[in-house]
Amino acid sequence: MSPLALKVLLIIFLTHLAVFIVLGIRRRQAYYFSLAVTFVLLSLVTGFRLTGINTVVVGMELEVVLRAGALLAAAVSLSWTATRVWRRVRDRRGRTARIRPP
């Protein structure tokens, strides 16, 4: 990947990180912090690729370890998002069902 593309990705990841941290603090919901963890890890991977830093941790390259962590964090975030959306839709359907006349 080109250095320009890596820089753009890093800016995007850091922007998302800042937004989710602010939302997590304002709304006091752990959901946003799980998203922030994902973007911390993605930012680290992108930053390391951009700078060429790559050390070995526990017999594996650091980038691989961070990418695996980002994948797991993203899986948690996506499942949490799906659960939140499903509950919201379910609650709306329940409310509209009660409002309709018999």
PDB file of N, CA and C in Angstrom:
ATOM      1  N   MET A   1       0.855  -1.162   0.000  1.00  0.00           N
ATOM      2  CA  MET A   1       0.000   0.000   0.000  1.00  0.00           C
ATOM      3  C   MET A   1       0.911   1.238   0.000  1.00  0.00           C
ATOM      4  N   SER A   2       0.500   2.239  -0.724  1.00  0.00           N
ATOM      5  CA  SER A   2       1.336   3.436  -0.852  1.00  0.00           C
ATOM      6  C   SER A   2       1.346   4.239   0.452  1.00  0.00           C
ATOM      7  N   PRO A   3       2.404   5.006   0.675  1.00  0.00           N
ATOM      8  CA  PRO A   3       2.462   5.839   1.880  1.00  0.00           C
ATOM      9  C   PRO A   3       1.304   6.837   1.961  1.00  0.00           C
ATOM     10  N   LEU A   4       0.873   7.357   0.822  1.00  0.00           N
ATOM     11  CA  LEU A   4      -0.260   8.294   0.829  1.00  0.00           C
ATOM     12  C   LEU A   4      -1.535   7.605   1.307  1.00  0.00           C
ATOM     13  N   ALA A   5      -1.772   6.406   0.802  1.00  0.00           N
ATOM     14  CA  ALA A   5      -2.959   5.655   1.228  1.00  0.00           C
ATOM     15  C   ALA A   5      -2.894   5.339   2.718  1.00  0.00           C
ATOM     16  N   LEU A   6      -1.722   4.983   3.212  1.00  0.00           N
ATOM     17  CA  LEU A   6      -1.559   4.711   4.639  1.00  0.00           C
ATOM     18  C   LEU A   6      -1.819   5.963   5.477  1.00  0.00           C
ATOM     19  N   LYS A   7      -1.359   7.109   5.001  1.00  0.00           N
ATOM     20  CA  LYS A   7      -1.596   8.365   5.721  1.00  0.00           C
ATOM     21  C   LYS A   7      -3.081   8.699   5.762  1.00  0.00           C
ATOM     22  N   VAL A   8      -3.770   8.497   4.654  1.00  0.00           N
ATOM     23  CA  VAL A   8      -5.216   8.758   4.611  1.00  0.00           C
ATOM     24  C   VAL A   8      -5.941   7.820   5.570  1.00  0.00           C
ATOM     25  N   LEU A   9      -5.578   6.528   5.542  1.00  0.00           N
ATOM     26  CA  LEU A   9      -6.194   5.575   6.467  1.00  0.00           C
ATOM     27  C   LEU A   9      -5.938   5.954   7.918  1.00  0.00           C
ATOM     28  N   LEU A  10      -4.728   6.372   8.212  1.00  0.00           N
ATOM     29  CA  LEU A  10      -4.394   6.758   9.584  1.00  0.00           C
ATOM     30  C   LEU A  10      -5.238   7.939  10.031  1.00  0.00           C
ATOM     31  N   ILE A  11      -5.424   8.916   9.165  1.00  0.00           N
ATOM     32  CA  ILE A  11      -6.269  10.075   9.493  1.00  0.00           C
ATOM     33  C   ILE A  11      -7.708   9.627   9.737  1.00  0.00           C
ATOM     34  N   ILE A  12      -8.209   8.735   8.890  1.00  0.00           N
ATOM     35  CA  ILE A  12      -9.578   8.229   9.054  1.00  0.00           C
ATOM     36  C   ILE A  12      -9.715   7.473  10.373  1.00  0.00           C
ATOM     37  N   PHE A  13      -8.766   6.590  10.669  1.00  0.00           N
ATOM     38  CA  PHE A  13      -8.831   5.810  11.907  1.00  0.00           C
ATOM     39  C   PHE A  13      -8.741   6.703  13.144  1.00  0.00           C
ATOM     40  N   LEU A  14      -7.846   7.680  13.116  1.00  0.00           N
ATOM     41  CA  LEU A  14      -7.699   8.576  14.268  1.00  0.00           C
ATOM     42  C   LEU A  14      -8.929   9.454  14.460  1.00  0.00           C
ATOM     43  N   THR A  15      -9.549   9.860  13.358  1.00  0.00           N
ATOM     44  CA  THR A  15     -10.789  10.645  13.455  1.00  0.00           C
ATOM     45  C   THR A  15     -11.889   9.818  14.094  1.00  0.00           C
ATOM     46  N   HIS A  16     -12.048   8.568  13.632  1.00  0.00           N
ATOM     47  CA  HIS A  16     -13.054   7.688  14.238  1.00  0.00           C
ATOM     48  C   HIS A  16     -12.750   7.449  15.714  1.00  0.00           C
ATOM     49  N   LEU A  17     -11.494   7.257  16.031  1.00  0.00           N
ATOM     50  CA  LEU A  17     -11.099   7.047  17.418  1.00  0.00           C
ATOM     51  C   LEU A  17     -11.523   8.222  18.289  1.00  0.00           C
ATOM     52  N   ALA A  18     -11.222   9.430  17.851  1.00  0.00           N
ATOM     53  CA  ALA A  18     -11.588  10.620  18.626  1.00  0.00           C
ATOM     54  C   ALA A  18     -13.096  10.739  18.794  1.00  0.00           C
ATOM     55  N   VAL A  19     -13.833  10.498  17.728  1.00  0.00           N
ATOM     56  CA  VAL A  19     -15.299  10.609  17.790  1.00  0.00           C
ATOM     57  C   VAL A  19     -15.877   9.596  18.766  1.00  0.00           C
ATOM     58  N   PHE A  20     -15.417   8.351  18.710  1.00  0.00           N
ATOM     59  CA  PHE A  20     -15.975   7.328  19.595  1.00  0.00           C
ATOM     60  C   PHE A  20     -15.563   7.529  21.047  1.00  0.00           C
ATOM     61  N   ILE A  21     -14.397   8.078  21.288  1.00  0.00           N
ATOM     62  CA  ILE A  21     -14.016   8.392  22.664  1.00  0.00           C
ATOM     63  C   ILE A  21     -14.914   9.493  23.221  1.00  0.00           C
ATOM     64  N   VAL A  22     -15.143  10.526  22.428  1.00  0.00           N
ATOM     65  CA  VAL A  22     -16.018  11.622  22.872  1.00  0.00           C
ATOM     66  C   VAL A  22     -17.431  11.103  23.114  1.00  0.00           C
ATOM     67  N   LEU A  23     -17.954  10.300  22.195  1.00  0.00           N
ATOM     68  CA  LEU A  23     -19.295   9.738  22.386  1.00  0.00           C
ATOM     69  C   LEU A  23     -19.361   8.850  23.626  1.00  0.00           C
ATOM     70  N   GLY A  24     -18.330   8.058  23.849  1.00  0.00           N
ATOM     71  CA  GLY A  24     -18.303   7.187  25.026  1.00  0.00           C
ATOM     72  C   GLY A  24     -18.308   7.976  26.316  1.00  0.00           C
ATOM     73  N   ILE A  25     -17.566   9.067  26.339  1.00  0.00           N
ATOM     74  CA  ILE A  25     -17.520   9.901  27.549  1.00  0.00           C
ATOM     75  C   ILE A  25     -18.852  10.619  27.750  1.00  0.00           C
ATOM     76  N   ARG A  26     -19.386  11.189  26.688  1.00  0.00           N
ATOM     77  CA  ARG A  26     -20.644  11.948  26.812  1.00  0.00           C
ATOM     78  C   ARG A  26     -21.830  11.059  27.157  1.00  0.00           C
ATOM     79  N   ARG A  27     -21.917   9.916  26.490  1.00  0.00           N
ATOM     80  CA  ARG A  27     -23.077   9.042  26.691  1.00  0.00           C
ATOM     81  C   ARG A  27     -22.857   7.988  27.765  1.00  0.00           C
ATOM     82  N   ARG A  28     -21.616   7.865  28.223  1.00  0.00           N
ATOM     83  CA  ARG A  28     -21.262   6.906  29.274  1.00  0.00           C
ATOM     84  C   ARG A  28     -21.739   5.494  28.952  1.00  0.00           C
ATOM     85  N   GLN A  29     -21.426   5.065  27.736  1.00  0.00           N
ATOM     86  CA  GLN A  29     -21.782   3.721  27.303  1.00  0.00           C
ATOM     87  C   GLN A  29     -20.516   3.001  26.845  1.00  0.00           C
ATOM     88  N   ALA A  30     -20.318   1.806  27.368  1.00  0.00           N
ATOM     89  CA  ALA A  30     -19.123   1.026  27.050  1.00  0.00           C
ATOM     90  C   ALA A  30     -19.063   0.648  25.573  1.00  0.00           C
ATOM     91  N   TYR A  31     -20.205   0.637  24.921  1.00  0.00           N
ATOM     92  CA  TYR A  31     -20.269   0.300  23.501  1.00  0.00           C
ATOM     93  C   TYR A  31     -19.290   1.144  22.692  1.00  0.00           C
ATOM     94  N   TYR A  32     -19.235   2.429  22.958  1.00  0.00           N
ATOM     95  CA  TYR A  32     -18.367   3.323  22.199  1.00  0.00           C
ATOM     96  C   TYR A  32     -16.886   3.067  22.490  1.00  0.00           C
ATOM     97  N   PHE A  33     -16.591   2.617  23.680  1.00  0.00           N
ATOM     98  CA  PHE A  33     -15.202   2.309  24.005  1.00  0.00           C
ATOM     99  C   PHE A  33     -14.737   1.039  23.296  1.00  0.00           C
ATOM    100  N   SER A  34     -15.649   0.109  23.051  1.00  0.00           N
ATOM    101  CA  SER A  34     -15.261  -1.076  22.277  1.00  0.00           C
ATOM    102  C   SER A  34     -14.920  -0.676  20.842  1.00  0.00           C
ATOM    103  N   LEU A  35     -15.648   0.285  20.316  1.00  0.00           N
ATOM    104  CA  LEU A  35     -15.317   0.804  18.983  1.00  0.00           C
ATOM    105  C   LEU A  35     -13.977   1.535  19.014  1.00  0.00           C
ATOM    106  N   ALA A  36     -13.735   2.276  20.087  1.00  0.00           N
ATOM    107  CA  ALA A  36     -12.475   3.014  20.213  1.00  0.00           C
ATOM    108  C   ALA A  36     -11.287   2.050  20.256  1.00  0.00           C
ATOM    109  N   VAL A  37     -11.429   0.919  20.948  1.00  0.00           N
ATOM    110  CA  VAL A  37     -10.342  -0.067  21.009  1.00  0.00           C
ATOM    111  C   VAL A  37     -10.017  -0.571  19.608  1.00  0.00           C
ATOM    112  N   THR A  38     -11.045  -0.819  18.817  1.00  0.00           N
ATOM    113  CA  THR A  38     -10.834  -1.259  17.436  1.00  0.00           C
ATOM    114  C   THR A  38     -10.002  -0.238  16.676  1.00  0.00           C
ATOM    115  N   PHE A  39     -10.351   1.035  16.805  1.00  0.00           N
ATOM    116  CA  PHE A  39      -9.647   2.065  16.045  1.00  0.00           C
ATOM    117  C   PHE A  39      -8.269   2.377  16.618  1.00  0.00           C
ATOM    118  N   VAL A  40      -8.055   2.142  17.904  1.00  0.00           N
ATOM    119  CA  VAL A  40      -6.701   2.261  18.463  1.00  0.00           C
ATOM    120  C   VAL A  40      -5.797   1.229  17.799  1.00  0.00           C
ATOM    121  N   LEU A  41      -6.272  -0.008  17.753  1.00  0.00           N
ATOM    122  CA  LEU A  41      -5.466  -1.078  17.168  1.00  0.00           C
ATOM    123  C   LEU A  41      -5.226  -0.859  15.678  1.00  0.00           C
ATOM    124  N   LEU A  42      -6.257  -0.440  14.959  1.00  0.00           N
ATOM    125  CA  LEU A  42      -6.085  -0.168  13.529  1.00  0.00           C
ATOM    126  C   LEU A  42      -5.127   0.997  13.292  1.00  0.00           C
ATOM    127  N   SER A  43      -5.198   2.006  14.154  1.00  0.00           N
ATOM    128  CA  SER A  43      -4.278   3.142  14.031  1.00  0.00           C
ATOM    129  C   SER A  43      -2.841   2.704  14.287  1.00  0.00           C
ATOM    130  N   LEU A  44      -2.638   1.852  15.284  1.00  0.00           N
ATOM    131  CA  LEU A  44      -1.297   1.356  15.574  1.00  0.00           C
ATOM    132  C   LEU A  44      -0.732   0.543  14.410  1.00  0.00           C
ATOM    133  N   VAL A  45      -1.550  -0.347  13.857  1.00  0.00           N
ATOM    134  CA  VAL A  45      -1.106  -1.150  12.721  1.00  0.00           C
ATOM    135  C   VAL A  45      -0.714  -0.242  11.557  1.00  0.00           C
ATOM    136  N   THR A  46      -1.569   0.725  11.253  1.00  0.00           N
ATOM    137  CA  THR A  46      -1.300   1.631  10.134  1.00  0.00           C
ATOM    138  C   THR A  46      -0.071   2.485  10.405  1.00  0.00           C
ATOM    139  N   GLY A  47       0.064   2.977  11.622  1.00  0.00           N
ATOM    140  CA  GLY A  47       1.232   3.773  11.979  1.00  0.00           C
ATOM    141  C   GLY A  47       2.520   2.987  11.887  1.00  0.00           C
ATOM    142  N   PHE A  48       2.486   1.730  12.341  1.00  0.00           N
ATOM    143  CA  PHE A  48       3.674   0.883  12.251  1.00  0.00           C
ATOM    144  C   PHE A  48       4.027   0.569  10.803  1.00  0.00           C
ATOM    145  N   ARG A  49       3.006   0.344   9.987  1.00  0.00           N
ATOM    146  CA  ARG A  49       3.284   0.086   8.566  1.00  0.00           C
ATOM    147  C   ARG A  49       3.862   1.327   7.891  1.00  0.00           C
ATOM    148  N   LEU A  50       3.366   2.480   8.283  1.00  0.00           N
ATOM    149  CA  LEU A  50       3.828   3.732   7.695  1.00  0.00           C
ATOM    150  C   LEU A  50       5.278   4.021   8.073  1.00  0.00           C
ATOM    151  N   THR A  51       5.637   3.720   9.311  1.00  0.00           N
ATOM    152  CA  THR A  51       6.994   4.000   9.786  1.00  0.00           C
ATOM    153  C   THR A  51       7.959   2.845   9.548  1.00  0.00           C
ATOM    154  N   GLY A  52       7.435   1.680   9.232  1.00  0.00           N
ATOM    155  CA  GLY A  52       8.294   0.526   8.996  1.00  0.00           C
ATOM    156  C   GLY A  52       8.686  -0.207  10.261  1.00  0.00           C
ATOM    157  N   ILE A  53       8.082   0.165  11.384  1.00  0.00           N
ATOM    158  CA  ILE A  53       8.369  -0.518  12.655  1.00  0.00           C
ATOM    159  C   ILE A  53       7.672  -1.875  12.644  1.00  0.00           C
ATOM    160  N   ASN A  54       8.427  -2.919  12.933  1.00  0.00           N
ATOM    161  CA  ASN A  54       7.827  -4.246  13.021  1.00  0.00           C
ATOM    162  C   ASN A  54       8.742  -5.133  13.850  1.00  0.00           C
ATOM    163  N   THR A  55       8.387  -5.313  15.087  1.00  0.00           N
ATOM    164  CA  THR A  55       9.179  -6.158  15.976  1.00  0.00           C
ATOM    165  C   THR A  55       8.473  -7.491  16.174  1.00  0.00           C
ATOM    166  N   VAL A  56       9.143  -8.390  16.836  1.00  0.00           N
ATOM    167  CA  VAL A  56       8.578  -9.714  17.089  1.00  0.00           C
ATOM    168  C   VAL A  56       8.127  -9.771  18.546  1.00  0.00           C
ATOM    169  N   VAL A  57       6.880 -10.188  18.742  1.00  0.00           N
ATOM    170  CA  VAL A  57       6.306 -10.332  20.078  1.00  0.00           C
ATOM    171  C   VAL A  57       5.733 -11.737  20.175  1.00  0.00           C
ATOM    172  N   VAL A  58       6.131 -12.470  21.193  1.00  0.00           N
ATOM    173  CA  VAL A  58       5.646 -13.831  21.427  1.00  0.00           C
ATOM    174  C   VAL A  58       5.824 -14.687  20.167  1.00  0.00           C
ATOM    175  N   GLY A  59       6.935 -14.504  19.486  1.00  0.00           N
ATOM    176  CA  GLY A  59       7.223 -15.302  18.308  1.00  0.00           C
ATOM    177  C   GLY A  59       6.457 -14.899  17.059  1.00  0.00           C
ATOM    178  N   MET A  60       5.717 -13.801  17.134  1.00  0.00           N
ATOM    179  CA  MET A  60       4.943 -13.328  15.976  1.00  0.00           C
ATOM    180  C   MET A  60       5.276 -11.862  15.727  1.00  0.00           C
ATOM    181  N   GLU A  61       5.114 -11.441  14.489  1.00  0.00           N
ATOM    182  CA  GLU A  61       5.326 -10.033  14.183  1.00  0.00           C
ATOM    183  C   GLU A  61       4.273  -9.193  14.902  1.00  0.00           C
ATOM    184  N   LEU A  62       4.681  -8.027  15.380  1.00  0.00           N
ATOM    185  CA  LEU A  62       3.782  -7.144  16.119  1.00  0.00           C
ATOM    186  C   LEU A  62       2.566  -6.768  15.287  1.00  0.00           C
ATOM    187  N   GLU A  63       2.776  -6.524  14.005  1.00  0.00           N
ATOM    188  CA  GLU A  63       1.660  -6.150  13.132  1.00  0.00           C
ATOM    189  C   GLU A  63       0.593  -7.244  13.087  1.00  0.00           C
ATOM    190  N   VAL A  64       1.032  -8.496  13.056  1.00  0.00           N
ATOM    191  CA  VAL A  64       0.087  -9.617  13.020  1.00  0.00           C
ATOM    192  C   VAL A  64      -0.700  -9.683  14.325  1.00  0.00           C
ATOM    193  N   VAL A  65      -0.019  -9.495  15.441  1.00  0.00           N
ATOM    194  CA  VAL A  65      -0.686  -9.521  16.750  1.00  0.00           C
ATOM    195  C   VAL A  65      -1.719  -8.402  16.841  1.00  0.00           C
ATOM    196  N   LEU A  66      -1.338  -7.190  16.421  1.00  0.00           N
ATOM    197  CA  LEU A  66      -2.262  -6.059  16.473  1.00  0.00           C
ATOM    198  C   LEU A  66      -3.438  -6.239  15.519  1.00  0.00           C
ATOM    199  N   ARG A  67      -3.168  -6.770  14.340  1.00  0.00           N
ATOM    200  CA  ARG A  67      -4.254  -7.004  13.385  1.00  0.00           C
ATOM    201  C   ARG A  67      -5.231  -8.044  13.911  1.00  0.00           C
ATOM    202  N   ALA A  68      -4.719  -9.076  14.574  1.00  0.00           N
ATOM    203  CA  ALA A  68      -5.603 -10.096  15.163  1.00  0.00           C
ATOM    204  C   ALA A  68      -6.451  -9.471  16.264  1.00  0.00           C
ATOM    205  N   GLY A  69      -5.836  -8.630  17.082  1.00  0.00           N
ATOM    206  CA  GLY A  69      -6.594  -7.930  18.118  1.00  0.00           C
ATOM    207  C   GLY A  69      -7.647  -7.016  17.523  1.00  0.00           C
ATOM    208  N   ALA A  70      -7.296  -6.323  16.454  1.00  0.00           N
ATOM    209  CA  ALA A  70      -8.262  -5.436  15.786  1.00  0.00           C
ATOM    210  C   ALA A  70      -9.420  -6.237  15.205  1.00  0.00           C
ATOM    211  N   LEU A  71      -9.114  -7.403  14.661  1.00  0.00           N
ATOM    212  CA  LEU A  71     -10.166  -8.256  14.110  1.00  0.00           C
ATOM    213  C   LEU A  71     -11.124  -8.720  15.206  1.00  0.00           C
ATOM    214  N   LEU A  72     -10.571  -9.143  16.328  1.00  0.00           N
ATOM    215  CA  LEU A  72     -11.423  -9.564  17.451  1.00  0.00           C
ATOM    216  C   LEU A  72     -12.249  -8.401  17.998  1.00  0.00           C
ATOM    217  N   ALA A  73     -11.609  -7.243  18.146  1.00  0.00           N
ATOM    218  CA  ALA A  73     -12.332  -6.065  18.644  1.00  0.00           C
ATOM    219  C   ALA A  73     -13.433  -5.655  17.671  1.00  0.00           C
ATOM    220  N   ALA A  74     -13.161  -5.740  16.383  1.00  0.00           N
ATOM    221  CA  ALA A  74     -14.178  -5.407  15.377  1.00  0.00           C
ATOM    222  C   ALA A  74     -15.331  -6.395  15.429  1.00  0.00           C
ATOM    223  N   ALA A  75     -15.026  -7.676  15.645  1.00  0.00           N
ATOM    224  CA  ALA A  75     -16.087  -8.679  15.749  1.00  0.00           C
ATOM    225  C   ALA A  75     -16.988  -8.391  16.948  1.00  0.00           C
ATOM    226  N   VAL A  76     -16.383  -8.023  18.068  1.00  0.00           N
ATOM    227  CA  VAL A  76     -17.173  -7.670  19.256  1.00  0.00           C
ATOM    228  C   VAL A  76     -18.018  -6.426  18.971  1.00  0.00           C
ATOM    229  N   SER A  77     -17.415  -5.413  18.380  1.00  0.00           N
ATOM    230  CA  SER A  77     -18.133  -4.173  18.083  1.00  0.00           C
ATOM    231  C   SER A  77     -19.290  -4.405  17.120  1.00  0.00           C
ATOM    232  N   LEU A  78     -19.038  -5.198  16.085  1.00  0.00           N
ATOM    233  CA  LEU A  78     -20.101  -5.457  15.106  1.00  0.00           C
ATOM    234  C   LEU A  78     -21.240  -6.268  15.708  1.00  0.00           C
ATOM    235  N   SER A  79     -20.914  -7.251  16.538  1.00  0.00           N
ATOM    236  CA  SER A  79     -21.993  -8.025  17.169  1.00  0.00           C
ATOM    237  C   SER A  79     -22.773  -7.158  18.151  1.00  0.00           C
ATOM    238  N   TRP A  80     -22.073  -6.272  18.853  1.00  0.00           N
ATOM    239  CA  TRP A  80     -22.739  -5.361  19.771  1.00  0.00           C
ATOM    240  C   TRP A  80     -23.637  -4.395  18.996  1.00  0.00           C
ATOM    241  N   THR A  81     -23.167  -3.909  17.858  1.00  0.00           N
ATOM    242  CA  THR A  81     -23.967  -3.022  17.010  1.00  0.00           C
ATOM    243  C   THR A  81     -25.205  -3.745  16.503  1.00  0.00           C
ATOM    244  N   ALA A  82     -25.040  -4.971  16.028  1.00  0.00           N
ATOM    245  CA  ALA A  82     -26.178  -5.744  15.527  1.00  0.00           C
ATOM    246  C   ALA A  82     -27.207  -5.970  16.634  1.00  0.00           C
ATOM    247  N   THR A  83     -26.738  -6.246  17.834  1.00  0.00           N
ATOM    248  CA  THR A  83     -27.645  -6.447  18.964  1.00  0.00           C
ATOM    249  C   THR A  83     -28.411  -5.166  19.290  1.00  0.00           C
ATOM    250  N   ARG A  84     -27.703  -4.032  19.286  1.00  0.00           N
ATOM    251  CA  ARG A  84     -28.361  -2.749  19.567  1.00  0.00           C
ATOM    252  C   ARG A  84     -29.419  -2.422  18.514  1.00  0.00           C
ATOM    253  N   VAL A  85     -29.095  -2.647  17.238  1.00  0.00           N
ATOM    254  CA  VAL A  85     -30.047  -2.376  16.154  1.00  0.00           C
ATOM    255  C   VAL A  85     -31.240  -3.304  16.275  1.00  0.00           C
ATOM    256  N   TRP A  86     -30.983  -4.585  16.528  1.00  0.00           N
ATOM    257  CA  TRP A  86     -32.071  -5.550  16.647  1.00  0.00           C
ATOM    258  C   TRP A  86     -33.018  -5.156  17.787  1.00  0.00           C
ATOM    259  N   ARG A  87     -32.462  -4.761  18.931  1.00  0.00           N
ATOM    260  CA  ARG A  87     -33.307  -4.354  20.057  1.00  0.00           C
ATOM    261  C   ARG A  87     -34.117  -3.103  19.733  1.00  0.00           C
ATOM    262  N   ARG A  88     -33.484  -2.155  19.051  1.00  0.00           N
ATOM    263  CA  ARG A  88     -34.175  -0.923  18.688  1.00  0.00           C
ATOM    264  C   ARG A  88     -35.351  -1.217  17.756  1.00  0.00           C
ATOM    265  N   VAL A  89     -35.124  -2.059  16.763  1.00  0.00           N
ATOM    266  CA  VAL A  89     -36.193  -2.434  15.821  1.00  0.00           C
ATOM    267  C   VAL A  89     -37.291  -3.185  16.553  1.00  0.00           C
ATOM    268  N   ARG A  90     -36.911  -4.103  17.416  1.00  0.00           N
ATOM    269  CA  ARG A  90     -37.889  -4.879  18.178  1.00  0.00           C
ATOM    270  C   ARG A  90     -38.741  -3.967  19.061  1.00  0.00           C
ATOM    271  N   ASP A  91     -38.099  -3.000  19.732  1.00  0.00           N
ATOM    272  CA  ASP A  91     -38.834  -2.078  20.594  1.00  0.00           C
ATOM    273  C   ASP A  91     -39.778  -1.195  19.799  1.00  0.00           C
ATOM    274  N   ARG A  92     -39.345  -0.739  18.639  1.00  0.00           N
ATOM    275  CA  ARG A  92     -40.218   0.097  17.796  1.00  0.00           C
ATOM    276  C   ARG A  92     -41.415  -0.693  17.298  1.00  0.00           C
ATOM    277  N   ARG A  93     -41.200  -1.925  16.918  1.00  0.00           N
ATOM    278  CA  ARG A  93     -42.311  -2.762  16.463  1.00  0.00           C
ATOM    279  C   ARG A  93     -43.296  -2.999  17.603  1.00  0.00           C
ATOM    280  N   GLY A  94     -42.787  -3.183  18.792  1.00  0.00           N
ATOM    281  CA  GLY A  94     -43.651  -3.397  19.953  1.00  0.00           C
ATOM    282  C   GLY A  94     -44.493  -2.186  20.260  1.00  0.00           C
ATOM    283  N   ARG A  95     -43.879  -0.986  20.142  1.00  0.00           N
ATOM    284  CA  ARG A  95     -44.628   0.251  20.391  1.00  0.00           C
ATOM    285  C   ARG A  95     -45.696   0.477  19.341  1.00  0.00           C
ATOM    286  N   THR A  96     -45.381   0.265  18.071  1.00  0.00           N
ATOM    287  CA  THR A  96     -46.356   0.510  17.016  1.00  0.00           C
ATOM    288  C   THR A  96     -47.480  -0.518  17.064  1.00  0.00           C
ATOM    289  N   ALA A  97     -47.184  -1.728  17.513  1.00  0.00           N
ATOM    290  CA  ALA A  97     -48.224  -2.745  17.631  1.00  0.00           C
ATOM    291  C   ALA A  97     -49.238  -2.364  18.706  1.00  0.00           C
ATOM    292  N   ARG A  98     -48.758  -1.710  19.782  1.00  0.00           N
ATOM    293  CA  ARG A  98     -49.671  -1.289  20.861  1.00  0.00           C
ATOM    294  C   ARG A  98     -50.498  -0.094  20.462  1.00  0.00           C
ATOM    295  N   ILE A  99     -50.007   0.728  19.563  1.00  0.00           N
ATOM    296  CA  ILE A  99     -50.714   1.941  19.160  1.00  0.00           C
ATOM    297  C   ILE A  99     -51.845   1.650  18.188  1.00  0.00           C
ATOM    298  N   ARG A 100     -51.668   0.673  17.345  1.00  0.00           N
ATOM    299  CA  ARG A 100     -52.676   0.351  16.329  1.00  0.00           C
ATOM    300  C   ARG A 100     -53.971  -0.141  16.977  1.00  0.00           C
ATOM    301  N   PRO A 101     -55.100   0.291  16.410  1.00  0.00           N
ATOM    302  CA  PRO A 101     -56.383  -0.190  16.980  1.00  0.00           C
ATOM    303  C   PRO A 101     -56.589  -1.658  16.633  1.00  0.00           C
ATOM    304  N   PRO A 102     -57.361  -2.370  17.467  1.00  0.00           N
ATOM    305  CA  PRO A 102     -57.597  -3.812  17.238  1.00  0.00           C
ATOM    306  C   PRO A 102     -58.459  -4.089  16.028  1.00  0.00           C
TER     307      PRO A 102
END
